[in-house]
Amino acid sequence: MLMGEDLRLLDSGRYVSRPWCDICPRDTFSYGRWRRSGDVIVLNADRPGVPERRLCAATIRKCPMLIPLDQSHPVKWIGPGVVFGRDGERCVGRLDRDGHTGRLLRGLSCLKPERKPN
């Protein structure tokens, strides 16, 4: 099954997201606000009850990307269906094929588990 998501971060601090797949209904958009805190982008949906999403803003081998942060399923590899890249940029696909993803991700501070206050 082919699936993915288009995400646009607008200069106004708003975002629009459109998940897609080969058998999904068309035109299912979600909207909200985004903010940056260090290397982390936080998305808050306009729709009540939708949990916030966090993305790690990283540049790996000159390839800018946003890596979804989910503590229950940490990112183990980089690929076009896993991370967000710039529109028209193909560098994420090249990183996926080089086979060194674990080593490339190891140094990113936003991917390290968060420390809880004492």
C-alpha atoms as a PDB file:
ATOM      1  CA  MET A   1       0.000   0.000   0.000  1.00  0.00           C
ATOM      2  CA  LEU A   2       1.342   3.415  -0.907  1.00  0.00           C
ATOM      3  CA  MET A   3       0.823   6.023   1.769  1.00  0.00           C
ATOM      4  CA  GLY A   4       2.304   9.216   3.114  1.00  0.00           C
ATOM      5  CA  GLU A   5       1.537  12.717   4.257  1.00  0.00           C
ATOM      6  CA  ASP A   6       2.090  16.175   2.854  1.00  0.00           C
ATOM      7  CA  LEU A   7       2.855  18.805   5.502  1.00  0.00           C
ATOM      8  CA  ARG A   8       3.215  22.527   4.897  1.00  0.00           C
ATOM      9  CA  LEU A   9       4.568  24.825   7.601  1.00  0.00           C
ATOM     10  CA  LEU A  10       3.433  28.334   6.727  1.00  0.00           C
ATOM     11  CA  ASP A  11       5.307  31.520   7.673  1.00  0.00           C
ATOM     12  CA  SER A  12       2.185  32.658   9.543  1.00  0.00           C
ATOM     13  CA  GLY A  13       2.716  29.959  12.196  1.00  0.00           C
ATOM     14  CA  ARG A  14      -0.074  27.817  10.755  1.00  0.00           C
ATOM     15  CA  TYR A  15       0.239  24.392   9.141  1.00  0.00           C
ATOM     16  CA  VAL A  16      -1.806  22.259   6.806  1.00  0.00           C
ATOM     17  CA  SER A  17      -1.483  18.491   6.591  1.00  0.00           C
ATOM     18  CA  ARG A  18      -2.902  16.066   4.035  1.00  0.00           C
ATOM     19  CA  PRO A  19      -2.455  12.335   4.580  1.00  0.00           C
ATOM     20  CA  TRP A  20      -2.771  10.263   1.417  1.00  0.00           C
ATOM     21  CA  CYS A  21      -2.769   6.644   0.370  1.00  0.00           C
ATOM     22  CA  ASP A  22      -3.796   4.596  -2.617  1.00  0.00           C
ATOM     23  CA  ILE A  23      -7.202   3.675  -1.097  1.00  0.00           C
ATOM     24  CA  CYS A  24      -7.894   6.634   1.249  1.00  0.00           C
ATOM     25  CA  PRO A  25     -10.680   9.173   0.798  1.00  0.00           C
ATOM     26  CA  ARG A  26      -9.550  12.298  -1.003  1.00  0.00           C
ATOM     27  CA  ASP A  27      -9.336  15.792   0.476  1.00  0.00           C
ATOM     28  CA  THR A  28      -8.820  14.919   4.139  1.00  0.00           C
ATOM     29  CA  PHE A  29      -6.931  17.945   5.408  1.00  0.00           C
ATOM     30  CA  SER A  30      -6.048  18.968   8.949  1.00  0.00           C
ATOM     31  CA  TYR A  31      -4.999  22.398  10.103  1.00  0.00           C
ATOM     32  CA  GLY A  32      -3.399  23.953  13.152  1.00  0.00           C
ATOM     33  CA  ARG A  33      -0.576  26.009  14.585  1.00  0.00           C
ATOM     34  CA  TRP A  34       3.124  25.191  14.692  1.00  0.00           C
ATOM     35  CA  ARG A  35       5.978  26.539  16.788  1.00  0.00           C
ATOM     36  CA  ARG A  36       9.658  25.828  17.069  1.00  0.00           C
ATOM     37  CA  SER A  37      11.447  25.073  20.328  1.00  0.00           C
ATOM     38  CA  GLY A  38      15.143  24.515  19.641  1.00  0.00           C
ATOM     39  CA  ASP A  39      15.394  21.649  17.155  1.00  0.00           C
ATOM     40  CA  VAL A  40      11.807  20.525  17.782  1.00  0.00           C
ATOM     41  CA  ILE A  41       8.770  21.599  15.764  1.00  0.00           C
ATOM     42  CA  VAL A  42       5.508  21.235  17.720  1.00  0.00           C
ATOM     43  CA  LEU A  43       2.202  20.908  15.830  1.00  0.00           C
ATOM     44  CA  ASN A  44      -1.096  21.670  17.598  1.00  0.00           C
ATOM     45  CA  ALA A  45      -4.204  20.807  15.594  1.00  0.00           C
ATOM     46  CA  ASP A  46      -7.248  23.074  15.467  1.00  0.00           C
ATOM     47  CA  ARG A  47      -9.512  20.068  16.051  1.00  0.00           C
ATOM     48  CA  PRO A  48     -10.134  19.367  19.773  1.00  0.00           C
ATOM     49  CA  GLY A  49      -8.827  16.096  21.184  1.00  0.00           C
ATOM     50  CA  VAL A  50      -6.014  15.669  18.643  1.00  0.00           C
ATOM     51  CA  PRO A  51      -2.699  15.131  20.473  1.00  0.00           C
ATOM     52  CA  GLU A  52       0.198  17.437  19.676  1.00  0.00           C
ATOM     53  CA  ARG A  53       2.826  16.132  17.262  1.00  0.00           C
ATOM     54  CA  ARG A  54       6.555  16.734  17.583  1.00  0.00           C
ATOM     55  CA  LEU A  55       9.114  16.722  14.769  1.00  0.00           C
ATOM     56  CA  CYS A  56      12.907  16.943  14.994  1.00  0.00           C
ATOM     57  CA  ALA A  57      14.333  19.534  12.571  1.00  0.00           C
ATOM     58  CA  ALA A  58      17.623  18.095  11.358  1.00  0.00           C
ATOM     59  CA  THR A  59      20.096  18.413   8.518  1.00  0.00           C
ATOM     60  CA  ILE A  60      21.914  15.178   7.747  1.00  0.00           C
ATOM     61  CA  ARG A  61      24.546  15.211   5.001  1.00  0.00           C
ATOM     62  CA  LYS A  62      23.249  18.584   3.779  1.00  0.00           C
ATOM     63  CA  CYS A  63      19.707  17.158   3.588  1.00  0.00           C
ATOM     64  CA  PRO A  64      17.136  19.177   5.610  1.00  0.00           C
ATOM     65  CA  MET A  65      14.293  17.100   7.065  1.00  0.00           C
ATOM     66  CA  LEU A  66      11.706  16.855   9.814  1.00  0.00           C
ATOM     67  CA  ILE A  67      11.794  13.558  11.700  1.00  0.00           C
ATOM     68  CA  PRO A  68       8.613  12.575  13.602  1.00  0.00           C
ATOM     69  CA  LEU A  69       9.255  12.060  17.321  1.00  0.00           C
ATOM     70  CA  ASP A  70       7.299   9.274  18.940  1.00  0.00           C
ATOM     71  CA  GLN A  71       8.812   7.970  22.171  1.00  0.00           C
ATOM     72  CA  SER A  72       6.903   4.675  21.911  1.00  0.00           C
ATOM     73  CA  HIS A  73       8.372   4.021  18.427  1.00  0.00           C
ATOM     74  CA  PRO A  74      11.764   5.767  18.117  1.00  0.00           C
ATOM     75  CA  VAL A  75      13.050   6.450  14.614  1.00  0.00           C
ATOM     76  CA  LYS A  76      15.558   3.819  13.487  1.00  0.00           C
ATOM     77  CA  TRP A  77      15.950   4.720   9.816  1.00  0.00           C
ATOM     78  CA  ILE A  78      15.415   7.609   7.419  1.00  0.00           C
ATOM     79  CA  GLY A  79      13.221   7.173   4.387  1.00  0.00           C
ATOM     80  CA  PRO A  80      10.803   9.137   2.220  1.00  0.00           C
ATOM     81  CA  GLY A  81       7.772   7.568   3.944  1.00  0.00           C
ATOM     82  CA  VAL A  82       9.136   8.181   7.443  1.00  0.00           C
ATOM     83  CA  VAL A  83      10.444  11.767   7.441  1.00  0.00           C
ATOM     84  CA  PHE A  84       9.359  15.022   5.809  1.00  0.00           C
ATOM     85  CA  GLY A  85      11.658  16.619   3.244  1.00  0.00           C
ATOM     86  CA  ARG A  86      11.374  19.832   1.259  1.00  0.00           C
ATOM     87  CA  ASP A  87       9.136  19.786  -1.778  1.00  0.00           C
ATOM     88  CA  GLY A  88      11.134  18.602  -4.793  1.00  0.00           C
ATOM     89  CA  GLU A  89      14.148  17.573  -2.693  1.00  0.00           C
ATOM     90  CA  ARG A  90      15.317  13.999  -3.321  1.00  0.00           C
ATOM     91  CA  CYS A  91      18.115  13.754  -0.762  1.00  0.00           C
ATOM     92  CA  VAL A  92      16.018  11.833   1.822  1.00  0.00           C
ATOM     93  CA  GLY A  93      15.659   8.906  -0.591  1.00  0.00           C
ATOM     94  CA  ARG A  94      19.403   8.824  -1.157  1.00  0.00           C
ATOM     95  CA  LEU A  95      20.077   8.698   2.602  1.00  0.00           C
ATOM     96  CA  ASP A  96      17.683   5.771   2.950  1.00  0.00           C
ATOM     97  CA  ARG A  97      19.601   3.740   0.376  1.00  0.00           C
ATOM     98  CA  ASP A  98      23.057   4.296   1.844  1.00  0.00           C
ATOM     99  CA  GLY A  99      22.448   1.911   4.763  1.00  0.00           C
ATOM    100  CA  HIS A 100      24.035   4.013   7.510  1.00  0.00           C
ATOM    101  CA  THR A 101      20.871   5.429   9.058  1.00  0.00           C
ATOM    102  CA  GLY A 102      21.531   4.389  12.669  1.00  0.00           C
ATOM    103  CA  ARG A 103      24.914   6.091  12.659  1.00  0.00           C
ATOM    104  CA  LEU A 104      23.482   9.214  11.016  1.00  0.00           C
ATOM    105  CA  LEU A 105      20.730   9.545  13.628  1.00  0.00           C
ATOM    106  CA  ARG A 106      22.884   8.837  16.683  1.00  0.00           C
ATOM    107  CA  GLY A 107      24.173  12.388  17.142  1.00  0.00           C
ATOM    108  CA  LEU A 108      20.821  14.202  17.006  1.00  0.00           C
ATOM    109  CA  SER A 109      19.978  15.650  20.427  1.00  0.00           C
ATOM    110  CA  CYS A 110      16.247  15.839  19.696  1.00  0.00           C
ATOM    111  CA  LEU A 111      16.119  12.054  19.200  1.00  0.00           C
ATOM    112  CA  LYS A 112      17.536  11.295  22.647  1.00  0.00           C
ATOM    113  CA  PRO A 113      14.956  10.335  25.302  1.00  0.00           C
ATOM    114  CA  GLU A 114      13.702  13.310  27.259  1.00  0.00           C
ATOM    115  CA  ARG A 115      14.864  13.539  30.841  1.00  0.00           C
ATOM    116  CA  LYS A 116      12.076  13.845  33.363  1.00  0.00           C
ATOM    117  CA  PRO A 117      12.493  16.386  36.198  1.00  0.00           C
ATOM    118  CA  ASN A 118      13.226  14.931  39.653  1.00  0.00           C
END
